[in-house]
């Protein structure tokens, strides 16, 4: 007899014949400013350039499709190497850092809640930083009270901050 019982709470299939890596998914806390509720969303990027945002809910049965949980699916122009979420600017909404091979792009995600229909999600481009070398992975953290610092590891082991 086992002390721990493992089971699937939520799952989905992301696209057809897409490639994903270890840094292609992040879980973000999104605070709704209208009613003050905080929910967890899942952000997934792929090497084919797709960015998807899911708002997972517990399924009523194992056969229930999770298609309603998909809030946004958009095709970006470049492959996604890594995604990170946080508050990278003083504007409202959730910010997502997307690492492309030669670019770091910051996107703003706004989820508009609607009581009659499902919520609606939009992505706004905020800014972009060109990289001198091909990026491989991305980490971020607060450098002081106001600013975030991004560190990008390149394939030749140089770090660009």
Foldseek 3Di string as FASTA:
>chain_A
DDPDDDDDQDDADDDDPWAADDQFKDKDWWADPVPGDIAIKMWGFTQQQKIWIFRDDGDPDPPDHRPLRTQDIDGDPGGFQHKDWDCAAPDDAIWIWTAGQFKTWIKGKDWAPDPVDHIHIDIHTDDMDTHPGTFHDKDWDDPDDHHIDIWTAHPVGDIDD
